[in-house]
Amino acid sequence: MLTNRERFLKKHGLPSATSLSKEEISILSGVPIKALDEIYDRGIGAYNSNLSSVRLLKDFSKNANTTKYGESARLTPQQWAFGRIYAFVMKTPKVYRGADNDIRIKYGLK
């Protein structure tokens, strides 16, 4: 199963090793940079407030056992925040019409 990032890159015909900035994601997706900034900040906040929901680096699995898997085994706050951005621009329902629906409405996105 492809991640939202992989789906985004494939949709835009970019190699899987491509690294994009928020500005580049904004241009490609048509989502205003200010919206992406807000989503990024929320992603950092979500990481800090609920570490048990953060996926493991090795396979992106969810494992709440924080004693067995320390922070170094998990995605970084920045990776988690960019994951949320990619979920938003790929219109993943839990994010686009769920957690960040107010941002979608604020910026007039359909």
PDB file of N, CA and C in Angstrom:
ATOM      1  N   MET A   1       0.839  -1.174   0.000  1.00  0.00           N
ATOM      2  CA  MET A   1       0.000   0.000   0.000  1.00  0.00           C
ATOM      3  C   MET A   1       0.888   1.242   0.000  1.00  0.00           C
ATOM      4  N   LEU A   2       0.583   2.186  -0.840  1.00  0.00           N
ATOM      5  CA  LEU A   2       1.373   3.406  -0.944  1.00  0.00           C
ATOM      6  C   LEU A   2       1.009   4.395   0.161  1.00  0.00           C
ATOM      7  N   THR A   3       2.007   5.142   0.609  1.00  0.00           N
ATOM      8  CA  THR A   3       1.751   6.216   1.565  1.00  0.00           C
ATOM      9  C   THR A   3       1.165   7.405   0.810  1.00  0.00           C
ATOM     10  N   ASN A   4       0.620   8.367   1.539  1.00  0.00           N
ATOM     11  CA  ASN A   4       0.089   9.572   0.887  1.00  0.00           C
ATOM     12  C   ASN A   4       1.184  10.306   0.132  1.00  0.00           C
ATOM     13  N   ARG A   5       2.388  10.320   0.669  1.00  0.00           N
ATOM     14  CA  ARG A   5       3.514  10.970  -0.013  1.00  0.00           C
ATOM     15  C   ARG A   5       3.805  10.265  -1.333  1.00  0.00           C
ATOM     16  N   GLU A   6       3.853   8.942  -1.294  1.00  0.00           N
ATOM     17  CA  GLU A   6       4.130   8.175  -2.514  1.00  0.00           C
ATOM     18  C   GLU A   6       3.026   8.385  -3.551  1.00  0.00           C
ATOM     19  N   ARG A   7       1.787   8.426  -3.097  1.00  0.00           N
ATOM     20  CA  ARG A   7       0.663   8.683  -4.010  1.00  0.00           C
ATOM     21  C   ARG A   7       0.768  10.075  -4.633  1.00  0.00           C
ATOM     22  N   PHE A   8       1.165  11.072  -3.825  1.00  0.00           N
ATOM     23  CA  PHE A   8       1.316  12.441  -4.315  1.00  0.00           C
ATOM     24  C   PHE A   8       2.408  12.512  -5.384  1.00  0.00           C
ATOM     25  N   LEU A   9       3.557  11.915  -5.090  1.00  0.00           N
ATOM     26  CA  LEU A   9       4.663  11.935  -6.050  1.00  0.00           C
ATOM     27  C   LEU A   9       4.278  11.225  -7.343  1.00  0.00           C
ATOM     28  N   LYS A  10       3.610  10.092  -7.221  1.00  0.00           N
ATOM     29  CA  LYS A  10       3.176   9.337  -8.401  1.00  0.00           C
ATOM     30  C   LYS A  10       2.180  10.155  -9.217  1.00  0.00           C
ATOM     31  N   LYS A  11       1.241  10.801  -8.549  1.00  0.00           N
ATOM     32  CA  LYS A  11       0.230  11.624  -9.216  1.00  0.00           C
ATOM     33  C   LYS A  11       0.873  12.725 -10.052  1.00  0.00           C
ATOM     34  N   HIS A  12       1.989  13.270  -9.554  1.00  0.00           N
ATOM     35  CA  HIS A  12       2.663  14.371 -10.236  1.00  0.00           C
ATOM     36  C   HIS A  12       3.862  13.911 -11.068  1.00  0.00           C
ATOM     37  N   GLY A  13       4.006  12.595 -11.227  1.00  0.00           N
ATOM     38  CA  GLY A  13       5.052  12.047 -12.082  1.00  0.00           C
ATOM     39  C   GLY A  13       6.466  12.292 -11.581  1.00  0.00           C
ATOM     40  N   LEU A  14       6.633  12.320 -10.269  1.00  0.00           N
ATOM     41  CA  LEU A  14       7.941  12.583  -9.680  1.00  0.00           C
ATOM     42  C   LEU A  14       8.553  11.289  -9.142  1.00  0.00           C
ATOM     43  N   PRO A  15       9.875  11.165  -9.210  1.00  0.00           N
ATOM     44  CA  PRO A  15      10.542   9.974  -8.678  1.00  0.00           C
ATOM     45  C   PRO A  15      10.308   9.832  -7.172  1.00  0.00           C
ATOM     46  N   SER A  16      10.301   8.604  -6.692  1.00  0.00           N
ATOM     47  CA  SER A  16      10.015   8.339  -5.275  1.00  0.00           C
ATOM     48  C   SER A  16      11.060   8.932  -4.333  1.00  0.00           C
ATOM     49  N   ALA A  17      12.243   9.215  -4.826  1.00  0.00           N
ATOM     50  CA  ALA A  17      13.300   9.787  -3.980  1.00  0.00           C
ATOM     51  C   ALA A  17      13.193  11.315  -3.884  1.00  0.00           C
ATOM     52  N   THR A  18      12.220  11.901  -4.538  1.00  0.00           N
ATOM     53  CA  THR A  18      12.063  13.353  -4.552  1.00  0.00           C
ATOM     54  C   THR A  18      11.712  13.876  -3.171  1.00  0.00           C
ATOM     55  N   SER A  19      12.396  14.938  -2.769  1.00  0.00           N
ATOM     56  CA  SER A  19      12.113  15.612  -1.508  1.00  0.00           C
ATOM     57  C   SER A  19      11.514  16.974  -1.837  1.00  0.00           C
ATOM     58  N   LEU A  20      10.344  17.241  -1.285  1.00  0.00           N
ATOM     59  CA  LEU A  20       9.655  18.488  -1.597  1.00  0.00           C
ATOM     60  C   LEU A  20       9.518  19.372  -0.363  1.00  0.00           C
ATOM     61  N   SER A  21       9.600  20.669  -0.571  1.00  0.00           N
ATOM     62  CA  SER A  21       9.353  21.635   0.501  1.00  0.00           C
ATOM     63  C   SER A  21       7.845  21.916   0.571  1.00  0.00           C
ATOM     64  N   LYS A  22       7.426  22.582   1.636  1.00  0.00           N
ATOM     65  CA  LYS A  22       6.015  22.983   1.729  1.00  0.00           C
ATOM     66  C   LYS A  22       5.643  23.873   0.544  1.00  0.00           C
ATOM     67  N   GLU A  23       6.548  24.747   0.133  1.00  0.00           N
ATOM     68  CA  GLU A  23       6.278  25.646  -0.986  1.00  0.00           C
ATOM     69  C   GLU A  23       6.029  24.858  -2.274  1.00  0.00           C
ATOM     70  N   GLU A  24       6.848  23.843  -2.505  1.00  0.00           N
ATOM     71  CA  GLU A  24       6.689  23.031  -3.711  1.00  0.00           C
ATOM     72  C   GLU A  24       5.386  22.222  -3.659  1.00  0.00           C
ATOM     73  N   ILE A  25       5.051  21.702  -2.484  1.00  0.00           N
ATOM     74  CA  ILE A  25       3.788  20.970  -2.323  1.00  0.00           C
ATOM     75  C   ILE A  25       2.621  21.918  -2.581  1.00  0.00           C
ATOM     76  N   SER A  26       2.727  23.147  -2.096  1.00  0.00           N
ATOM     77  CA  SER A  26       1.687  24.149  -2.293  1.00  0.00           C
ATOM     78  C   SER A  26       1.467  24.415  -3.784  1.00  0.00           C
ATOM     79  N   ILE A  27       2.536  24.602  -4.517  1.00  0.00           N
ATOM     80  CA  ILE A  27       2.444  24.886  -5.950  1.00  0.00           C
ATOM     81  C   ILE A  27       1.812  23.709  -6.694  1.00  0.00           C
ATOM     82  N   LEU A  28       2.282  22.499  -6.402  1.00  0.00           N
ATOM     83  CA  LEU A  28       1.778  21.318  -7.100  1.00  0.00           C
ATOM     84  C   LEU A  28       0.326  20.997  -6.744  1.00  0.00           C
ATOM     85  N   SER A  29      -0.044  21.224  -5.493  1.00  0.00           N
ATOM     86  CA  SER A  29      -1.378  20.835  -5.033  1.00  0.00           C
ATOM     87  C   SER A  29      -2.423  21.942  -5.172  1.00  0.00           C
ATOM     88  N   GLY A  30      -1.968  23.193  -5.236  1.00  0.00           N
ATOM     89  CA  GLY A  30      -2.890  24.313  -5.278  1.00  0.00           C
ATOM     90  C   GLY A  30      -3.420  24.710  -3.906  1.00  0.00           C
ATOM     91  N   VAL A  31      -2.876  24.123  -2.856  1.00  0.00           N
ATOM     92  CA  VAL A  31      -3.271  24.463  -1.489  1.00  0.00           C
ATOM     93  C   VAL A  31      -2.372  25.611  -1.022  1.00  0.00           C
ATOM     94  N   PRO A  32      -2.948  26.699  -0.514  1.00  0.00           N
ATOM     95  CA  PRO A  32      -2.138  27.841  -0.086  1.00  0.00           C
ATOM     96  C   PRO A  32      -1.090  27.455   0.962  1.00  0.00           C
ATOM     97  N   ILE A  33       0.073  28.073   0.870  1.00  0.00           N
ATOM     98  CA  ILE A  33       1.171  27.789   1.793  1.00  0.00           C
ATOM     99  C   ILE A  33       0.756  28.058   3.243  1.00  0.00           C
ATOM    100  N   LYS A  34      -0.060  29.075   3.468  1.00  0.00           N
ATOM    101  CA  LYS A  34      -0.501  29.373   4.835  1.00  0.00           C
ATOM    102  C   LYS A  34      -1.320  28.218   5.412  1.00  0.00           C
ATOM    103  N   ALA A  35      -2.118  27.561   4.573  1.00  0.00           N
ATOM    104  CA  ALA A  35      -2.881  26.393   5.021  1.00  0.00           C
ATOM    105  C   ALA A  35      -1.931  25.258   5.384  1.00  0.00           C
ATOM    106  N   LEU A  36      -0.915  25.043   4.542  1.00  0.00           N
ATOM    107  CA  LEU A  36       0.055  23.979   4.818  1.00  0.00           C
ATOM    108  C   LEU A  36       0.841  24.279   6.090  1.00  0.00           C
ATOM    109  N   ASP A  37       1.147  25.552   6.332  1.00  0.00           N
ATOM    110  CA  ASP A  37       1.832  25.932   7.570  1.00  0.00           C
ATOM    111  C   ASP A  37       0.982  25.573   8.796  1.00  0.00           C
ATOM    112  N   GLU A  38      -0.314  25.841   8.713  1.00  0.00           N
ATOM    113  CA  GLU A  38      -1.212  25.519   9.827  1.00  0.00           C
ATOM    114  C   GLU A  38      -1.295  24.008  10.046  1.00  0.00           C
ATOM    115  N   ILE A  39      -1.378  23.261   8.967  1.00  0.00           N
ATOM    116  CA  ILE A  39      -1.451  21.800   9.058  1.00  0.00           C
ATOM    117  C   ILE A  39      -0.153  21.252   9.634  1.00  0.00           C
ATOM    118  N   TYR A  40       0.974  21.793   9.191  1.00  0.00           N
ATOM    119  CA  TYR A  40       2.284  21.367   9.706  1.00  0.00           C
ATOM    120  C   TYR A  40       2.350  21.598  11.225  1.00  0.00           C
ATOM    121  N   ASP A  41       1.958  22.780  11.657  1.00  0.00           N
ATOM    122  CA  ASP A  41       1.986  23.090  13.090  1.00  0.00           C
ATOM    123  C   ASP A  41       1.094  22.144  13.888  1.00  0.00           C
ATOM    124  N   ARG A  42      -0.051  21.806  13.337  1.00  0.00           N
ATOM    125  CA  ARG A  42      -0.930  20.855  14.001  1.00  0.00           C
ATOM    126  C   ARG A  42      -0.295  19.463  14.063  1.00  0.00           C
ATOM    127  N   GLY A  43       0.424  19.110  13.012  1.00  0.00           N
ATOM    128  CA  GLY A  43       1.113  17.816  12.997  1.00  0.00           C
ATOM    129  C   GLY A  43       2.171  17.733  14.082  1.00  0.00           C
ATOM    130  N   ILE A  44       2.928  18.817  14.269  1.00  0.00           N
ATOM    131  CA  ILE A  44       3.935  18.865  15.339  1.00  0.00           C
ATOM    132  C   ILE A  44       3.232  18.755  16.694  1.00  0.00           C
ATOM    133  N   GLY A  45       2.145  19.470  16.850  1.00  0.00           N
ATOM    134  CA  GLY A  45       1.391  19.422  18.105  1.00  0.00           C
ATOM    135  C   GLY A  45       0.827  18.046  18.382  1.00  0.00           C
ATOM    136  N   ALA A  46       0.312  17.387  17.342  1.00  0.00           N
ATOM    137  CA  ALA A  46      -0.239  16.042  17.503  1.00  0.00           C
ATOM    138  C   ALA A  46       0.856  15.065  17.912  1.00  0.00           C
ATOM    139  N   TYR A  47       2.028  15.224  17.323  1.00  0.00           N
ATOM    140  CA  TYR A  47       3.161  14.367  17.678  1.00  0.00           C
ATOM    141  C   TYR A  47       3.480  14.528  19.165  1.00  0.00           C
ATOM    142  N   ASN A  48       3.574  15.765  19.609  1.00  0.00           N
ATOM    143  CA  ASN A  48       3.956  16.040  20.993  1.00  0.00           C
ATOM    144  C   ASN A  48       2.888  15.648  22.004  1.00  0.00           C
ATOM    145  N   SER A  49       1.628  15.672  21.599  1.00  0.00           N
ATOM    146  CA  SER A  49       0.566  15.391  22.559  1.00  0.00           C
ATOM    147  C   SER A  49       0.146  13.924  22.597  1.00  0.00           C
ATOM    148  N   ASN A  50       0.521  13.148  21.580  1.00  0.00           N
ATOM    149  CA  ASN A  50       0.086  11.748  21.550  1.00  0.00           C
ATOM    150  C   ASN A  50       1.131  10.875  20.856  1.00  0.00           C
ATOM    151  N   LEU A  51       2.259  10.687  21.502  1.00  0.00           N
ATOM    152  CA  LEU A  51       3.360   9.915  20.917  1.00  0.00           C
ATOM    153  C   LEU A  51       2.946   8.490  20.569  1.00  0.00           C
ATOM    154  N   SER A  52       2.006   7.931  21.311  1.00  0.00           N
ATOM    155  CA  SER A  52       1.613   6.543  21.048  1.00  0.00           C
ATOM    156  C   SER A  52       0.958   6.369  19.681  1.00  0.00           C
ATOM    157  N   SER A  53       0.474   7.446  19.056  1.00  0.00           N
ATOM    158  CA  SER A  53      -0.143   7.335  17.733  1.00  0.00           C
ATOM    159  C   SER A  53       0.882   7.456  16.603  1.00  0.00           C
ATOM    160  N   VAL A  54       2.107   7.842  16.938  1.00  0.00           N
ATOM    161  CA  VAL A  54       3.141   8.050  15.922  1.00  0.00           C
ATOM    162  C   VAL A  54       3.661   6.701  15.428  1.00  0.00           C
ATOM    163  N   ARG A  55       3.741   6.561  14.120  1.00  0.00           N
ATOM    164  CA  ARG A  55       4.138   5.302  13.479  1.00  0.00           C
ATOM    165  C   ARG A  55       5.629   5.013  13.649  1.00  0.00           C
ATOM    166  N   LEU A  56       5.959   3.724  13.502  1.00  0.00           N
ATOM    167  CA  LEU A  56       7.353   3.295  13.578  1.00  0.00           C
ATOM    168  C   LEU A  56       8.047   3.539  12.244  1.00  0.00           C
ATOM    169  N   LEU A  57       9.326   3.877  12.309  1.00  0.00           N
ATOM    170  CA  LEU A  57      10.115   4.145  11.106  1.00  0.00           C
ATOM    171  C   LEU A  57      10.244   2.926  10.204  1.00  0.00           C
ATOM    172  N   LYS A  58      10.459   1.778  10.800  1.00  0.00           N
ATOM    173  CA  LYS A  58      10.790   0.587  10.012  1.00  0.00           C
ATOM    174  C   LYS A  58       9.694   0.156   9.044  1.00  0.00           C
ATOM    175  N   ASP A  59       8.434   0.280   9.456  1.00  0.00           N
ATOM    176  CA  ASP A  59       7.361  -0.226   8.605  1.00  0.00           C
ATOM    177  C   ASP A  59       6.079   0.607   8.671  1.00  0.00           C
ATOM    178  N   PHE A  60       6.145   1.754   9.322  1.00  0.00           N
ATOM    179  CA  PHE A  60       5.005   2.655   9.482  1.00  0.00           C
ATOM    180  C   PHE A  60       3.852   2.031  10.266  1.00  0.00           C
ATOM    181  N   SER A  61       4.160   0.959  11.009  1.00  0.00           N
ATOM    182  CA  SER A  61       3.106   0.352  11.814  1.00  0.00           C
ATOM    183  C   SER A  61       2.854   1.189  13.055  1.00  0.00           C
ATOM    184  N   LYS A  62       1.672   1.028  13.615  1.00  0.00           N
ATOM    185  CA  LYS A  62       1.301   1.751  14.819  1.00  0.00           C
ATOM    186  C   LYS A  62       1.522   0.816  16.000  1.00  0.00           C
ATOM    187  N   ASN A  63       2.305   1.247  16.982  1.00  0.00           N
ATOM    188  CA  ASN A  63       2.552   0.424  18.144  1.00  0.00           C
ATOM    189  C   ASN A  63       2.649   1.332  19.356  1.00  0.00           C
ATOM    190  N   ALA A  64       1.680   1.219  20.239  1.00  0.00           N
ATOM    191  CA  ALA A  64       1.596   2.101  21.403  1.00  0.00           C
ATOM    192  C   ALA A  64       2.587   1.734  22.502  1.00  0.00           C
ATOM    193  N   ASN A  65       3.303   0.654  22.361  1.00  0.00           N
ATOM    194  CA  ASN A  65       4.231   0.207  23.384  1.00  0.00           C
ATOM    195  C   ASN A  65       5.476   1.098  23.388  1.00  0.00           C
ATOM    196  N   THR A  66       5.416   2.214  24.119  1.00  0.00           N
ATOM    197  CA  THR A  66       6.517   3.177  24.100  1.00  0.00           C
ATOM    198  C   THR A  66       7.720   2.706  24.907  1.00  0.00           C
ATOM    199  N   THR A  67       7.550   1.710  25.736  1.00  0.00           N
ATOM    200  CA  THR A  67       8.718   1.193  26.469  1.00  0.00           C
ATOM    201  C   THR A  67       9.542   0.297  25.569  1.00  0.00           C
ATOM    202  N   LYS A  68       8.891  -0.456  24.705  1.00  0.00           N
ATOM    203  CA  LYS A  68       9.608  -1.344  23.784  1.00  0.00           C
ATOM    204  C   LYS A  68      10.237  -0.559  22.632  1.00  0.00           C
ATOM    205  N   TYR A  69       9.497   0.444  22.132  1.00  0.00           N
ATOM    206  CA  TYR A  69       9.968   1.264  21.019  1.00  0.00           C
ATOM    207  C   TYR A  69      10.103   2.701  21.504  1.00  0.00           C
ATOM    208  N   GLY A  70      11.313   3.172  21.650  1.00  0.00           N
ATOM    209  CA  GLY A  70      11.541   4.544  22.095  1.00  0.00           C
ATOM    210  C   GLY A  70      11.297   5.531  20.979  1.00  0.00           C
ATOM    211  N   GLU A  71      11.507   6.804  21.283  1.00  0.00           N
ATOM    212  CA  GLU A  71      11.276   7.848  20.282  1.00  0.00           C
ATOM    213  C   GLU A  71      12.128   7.674  19.042  1.00  0.00           C
ATOM    214  N   SER A  72      13.355   7.159  19.187  1.00  0.00           N
ATOM    215  CA  SER A  72      14.243   7.032  18.034  1.00  0.00           C
ATOM    216  C   SER A  72      13.739   6.002  17.027  1.00  0.00           C
ATOM    217  N   ALA A  73      12.854   5.107  17.434  1.00  0.00           N
ATOM    218  CA  ALA A  73      12.293   4.115  16.523  1.00  0.00           C
ATOM    219  C   ALA A  73      11.090   4.662  15.766  1.00  0.00           C
ATOM    220  N   ARG A  74      10.627   5.851  16.150  1.00  0.00           N
ATOM    221  CA  ARG A  74       9.434   6.436  15.548  1.00  0.00           C
ATOM    222  C   ARG A  74       9.799   7.524  14.539  1.00  0.00           C
ATOM    223  N   LEU A  75       8.824   7.912  13.733  1.00  0.00           N
ATOM    224  CA  LEU A  75       9.005   9.048  12.839  1.00  0.00           C
ATOM    225  C   LEU A  75       9.344  10.276  13.674  1.00  0.00           C
ATOM    226  N   THR A  76      10.053  11.218  13.087  1.00  0.00           N
ATOM    227  CA  THR A  76      10.359  12.465  13.786  1.00  0.00           C
ATOM    228  C   THR A  76       9.121  13.366  13.754  1.00  0.00           C
ATOM    229  N   PRO A  77       9.087  14.397  14.600  1.00  0.00           N
ATOM    230  CA  PRO A  77       7.947  15.332  14.548  1.00  0.00           C
ATOM    231  C   PRO A  77       7.763  15.951  13.161  1.00  0.00           C
ATOM    232  N   GLN A  78       8.874  16.242  12.488  1.00  0.00           N
ATOM    233  CA  GLN A  78       8.801  16.853  11.157  1.00  0.00           C
ATOM    234  C   GLN A  78       8.232  15.864  10.132  1.00  0.00           C
ATOM    235  N   GLN A  79       8.658  14.603  10.213  1.00  0.00           N
ATOM    236  CA  GLN A  79       8.122  13.587   9.307  1.00  0.00           C
ATOM    237  C   GLN A  79       6.628  13.400   9.543  1.00  0.00           C
ATOM    238  N   TRP A  80       6.242  13.393  10.816  1.00  0.00           N
ATOM    239  CA  TRP A  80       4.828  13.227  11.165  1.00  0.00           C
ATOM    240  C   TRP A  80       4.001  14.406  10.621  1.00  0.00           C
ATOM    241  N   ALA A  81       4.543  15.621  10.747  1.00  0.00           N
ATOM    242  CA  ALA A  81       3.844  16.811  10.263  1.00  0.00           C
ATOM    243  C   ALA A  81       3.729  16.801   8.737  1.00  0.00           C
ATOM    244  N   PHE A  82       4.787  16.399   8.038  1.00  0.00           N
ATOM    245  CA  PHE A  82       4.710  16.321   6.581  1.00  0.00           C
ATOM    246  C   PHE A  82       3.752  15.223   6.145  1.00  0.00           C
ATOM    247  N   GLY A  83       3.680  14.154   6.906  1.00  0.00           N
ATOM    248  CA  GLY A  83       2.697  13.107   6.617  1.00  0.00           C
ATOM    249  C   GLY A  83       1.285  13.648   6.671  1.00  0.00           C
ATOM    250  N   ARG A  84       1.034  14.519   7.639  1.00  0.00           N
ATOM    251  CA  ARG A  84      -0.286  15.137   7.762  1.00  0.00           C
ATOM    252  C   ARG A  84      -0.552  16.055   6.577  1.00  0.00           C
ATOM    253  N   ILE A  85       0.470  16.784   6.131  1.00  0.00           N
ATOM    254  CA  ILE A  85       0.325  17.638   4.944  1.00  0.00           C
ATOM    255  C   ILE A  85      -0.035  16.789   3.729  1.00  0.00           C
ATOM    256  N   TYR A  86       0.712  15.702   3.516  1.00  0.00           N
ATOM    257  CA  TYR A  86       0.430  14.842   2.364  1.00  0.00           C
ATOM    258  C   TYR A  86      -0.962  14.226   2.456  1.00  0.00           C
ATOM    259  N   ALA A  87      -1.394  13.854   3.658  1.00  0.00           N
ATOM    260  CA  ALA A  87      -2.744  13.310   3.833  1.00  0.00           C
ATOM    261  C   ALA A  87      -3.781  14.360   3.451  1.00  0.00           C
ATOM    262  N   PHE A  88      -3.516  15.619   3.791  1.00  0.00           N
ATOM    263  CA  PHE A  88      -4.452  16.706   3.465  1.00  0.00           C
ATOM    264  C   PHE A  88      -4.503  16.942   1.959  1.00  0.00           C
ATOM    265  N   VAL A  89      -3.357  17.093   1.321  1.00  0.00           N
ATOM    266  CA  VAL A  89      -3.359  17.419  -0.112  1.00  0.00           C
ATOM    267  C   VAL A  89      -3.851  16.243  -0.960  1.00  0.00           C
ATOM    268  N   MET A  90      -3.771  15.015  -0.416  1.00  0.00           N
ATOM    269  CA  MET A  90      -4.318  13.857  -1.121  1.00  0.00           C
ATOM    270  C   MET A  90      -5.783  13.621  -0.739  1.00  0.00           C
ATOM    271  N   LYS A  91      -6.335  14.528   0.072  1.00  0.00           N
ATOM    272  CA  LYS A  91      -7.743  14.530   0.467  1.00  0.00           C
ATOM    273  C   LYS A  91      -8.159  13.242   1.181  1.00  0.00           C
ATOM    274  N   THR A  92      -7.266  12.756   2.040  1.00  0.00           N
ATOM    275  CA  THR A  92      -7.603  11.608   2.872  1.00  0.00           C
ATOM    276  C   THR A  92      -8.731  12.033   3.810  1.00  0.00           C
ATOM    277  N   PRO A  93      -9.873  11.343   3.776  1.00  0.00           N
ATOM    278  CA  PRO A  93     -11.055  11.800   4.522  1.00  0.00           C
ATOM    279  C   PRO A  93     -10.825  12.102   6.007  1.00  0.00           C
ATOM    280  N   LYS A  94     -10.063  11.282   6.715  1.00  0.00           N
ATOM    281  CA  LYS A  94      -9.846  11.510   8.149  1.00  0.00           C
ATOM    282  C   LYS A  94      -9.157  12.844   8.429  1.00  0.00           C
ATOM    283  N   VAL A  95      -8.404  13.328   7.482  1.00  0.00           N
ATOM    284  CA  VAL A  95      -7.690  14.595   7.660  1.00  0.00           C
ATOM    285  C   VAL A  95      -8.413  15.715   6.922  1.00  0.00           C
ATOM    286  N   TYR A  96      -8.659  15.524   5.634  1.00  0.00           N
ATOM    287  CA  TYR A  96      -9.222  16.584   4.787  1.00  0.00           C
ATOM    288  C   TYR A  96     -10.622  17.005   5.223  1.00  0.00           C
ATOM    289  N   ARG A  97     -11.458  16.055   5.542  1.00  0.00           N
ATOM    290  CA  ARG A  97     -12.823  16.363   5.984  1.00  0.00           C
ATOM    291  C   ARG A  97     -13.013  16.041   7.463  1.00  0.00           C
ATOM    292  N   GLY A  98     -11.905  15.747   8.142  1.00  0.00           N
ATOM    293  CA  GLY A  98     -11.961  15.420   9.560  1.00  0.00           C
ATOM    294  C   GLY A  98     -11.163  16.408  10.383  1.00  0.00           C
ATOM    295  N   ALA A  99      -9.968  15.995  10.796  1.00  0.00           N
ATOM    296  CA  ALA A  99      -9.146  16.780  11.719  1.00  0.00           C
ATOM    297  C   ALA A  99      -8.842  18.197  11.221  1.00  0.00           C
ATOM    298  N   ASP A 100      -8.651  18.356   9.918  1.00  0.00           N
ATOM    299  CA  ASP A 100      -8.301  19.676   9.376  1.00  0.00           C
ATOM    300  C   ASP A 100      -9.396  20.255   8.489  1.00  0.00           C
ATOM    301  N   ASN A 101     -10.620  19.821   8.708  1.00  0.00           N
ATOM    302  CA  ASN A 101     -11.744  20.322   7.921  1.00  0.00           C
ATOM    303  C   ASN A 101     -11.903  21.831   8.056  1.00  0.00           C
ATOM    304  N   ASP A 102     -11.648  22.357   9.250  1.00  0.00           N
ATOM    305  CA  ASP A 102     -11.773  23.809   9.446  1.00  0.00           C
ATOM    306  C   ASP A 102     -10.782  24.585   8.587  1.00  0.00           C
ATOM    307  N   ILE A 103      -9.606  24.034   8.366  1.00  0.00           N
ATOM    308  CA  ILE A 103      -8.617  24.689   7.488  1.00  0.00           C
ATOM    309  C   ILE A 103      -9.103  24.627   6.045  1.00  0.00           C
ATOM    310  N   ARG A 104      -9.638  23.494   5.640  1.00  0.00           N
ATOM    311  CA  ARG A 104     -10.197  23.349   4.297  1.00  0.00           C
ATOM    312  C   ARG A 104     -11.263  24.425   4.055  1.00  0.00           C
ATOM    313  N   ILE A 105     -12.149  24.598   5.019  1.00  0.00           N
ATOM    314  CA  ILE A 105     -13.223  25.595   4.897  1.00  0.00           C
ATOM    315  C   ILE A 105     -12.654  27.013   4.917  1.00  0.00           C
ATOM    316  N   LYS A 106     -11.727  27.280   5.827  1.00  0.00           N
ATOM    317  CA  LYS A 106     -11.125  28.614   5.980  1.00  0.00           C
ATOM    318  C   LYS A 106     -10.509  29.109   4.666  1.00  0.00           C
ATOM    319  N   TYR A 107      -9.871  28.194   3.925  1.00  0.00           N
ATOM    320  CA  TYR A 107      -9.186  28.575   2.681  1.00  0.00           C
ATOM    321  C   TYR A 107     -10.033  28.293   1.440  1.00  0.00           C
ATOM    322  N   GLY A 108     -11.294  27.924   1.642  1.00  0.00           N
ATOM    323  CA  GLY A 108     -12.204  27.743   0.516  1.00  0.00           C
ATOM    324  C   GLY A 108     -11.844  26.585  -0.392  1.00  0.00           C
ATOM    325  N   LEU A 109     -11.314  25.513   0.172  1.00  0.00           N
ATOM    326  CA  LEU A 109     -10.933  24.339  -0.633  1.00  0.00           C
ATOM    327  C   LEU A 109     -12.121  23.395  -0.717  1.00  0.00           C
ATOM    328  N   LYS A 110     -12.291  22.762  -1.853  1.00  0.00           N
ATOM    329  CA  LYS A 110     -13.452  21.875  -2.060  1.00  0.00           C
ATOM    330  C   LYS A 110     -13.173  20.471  -1.631  1.00  0.00           C
TER     331      LYS A 110
END
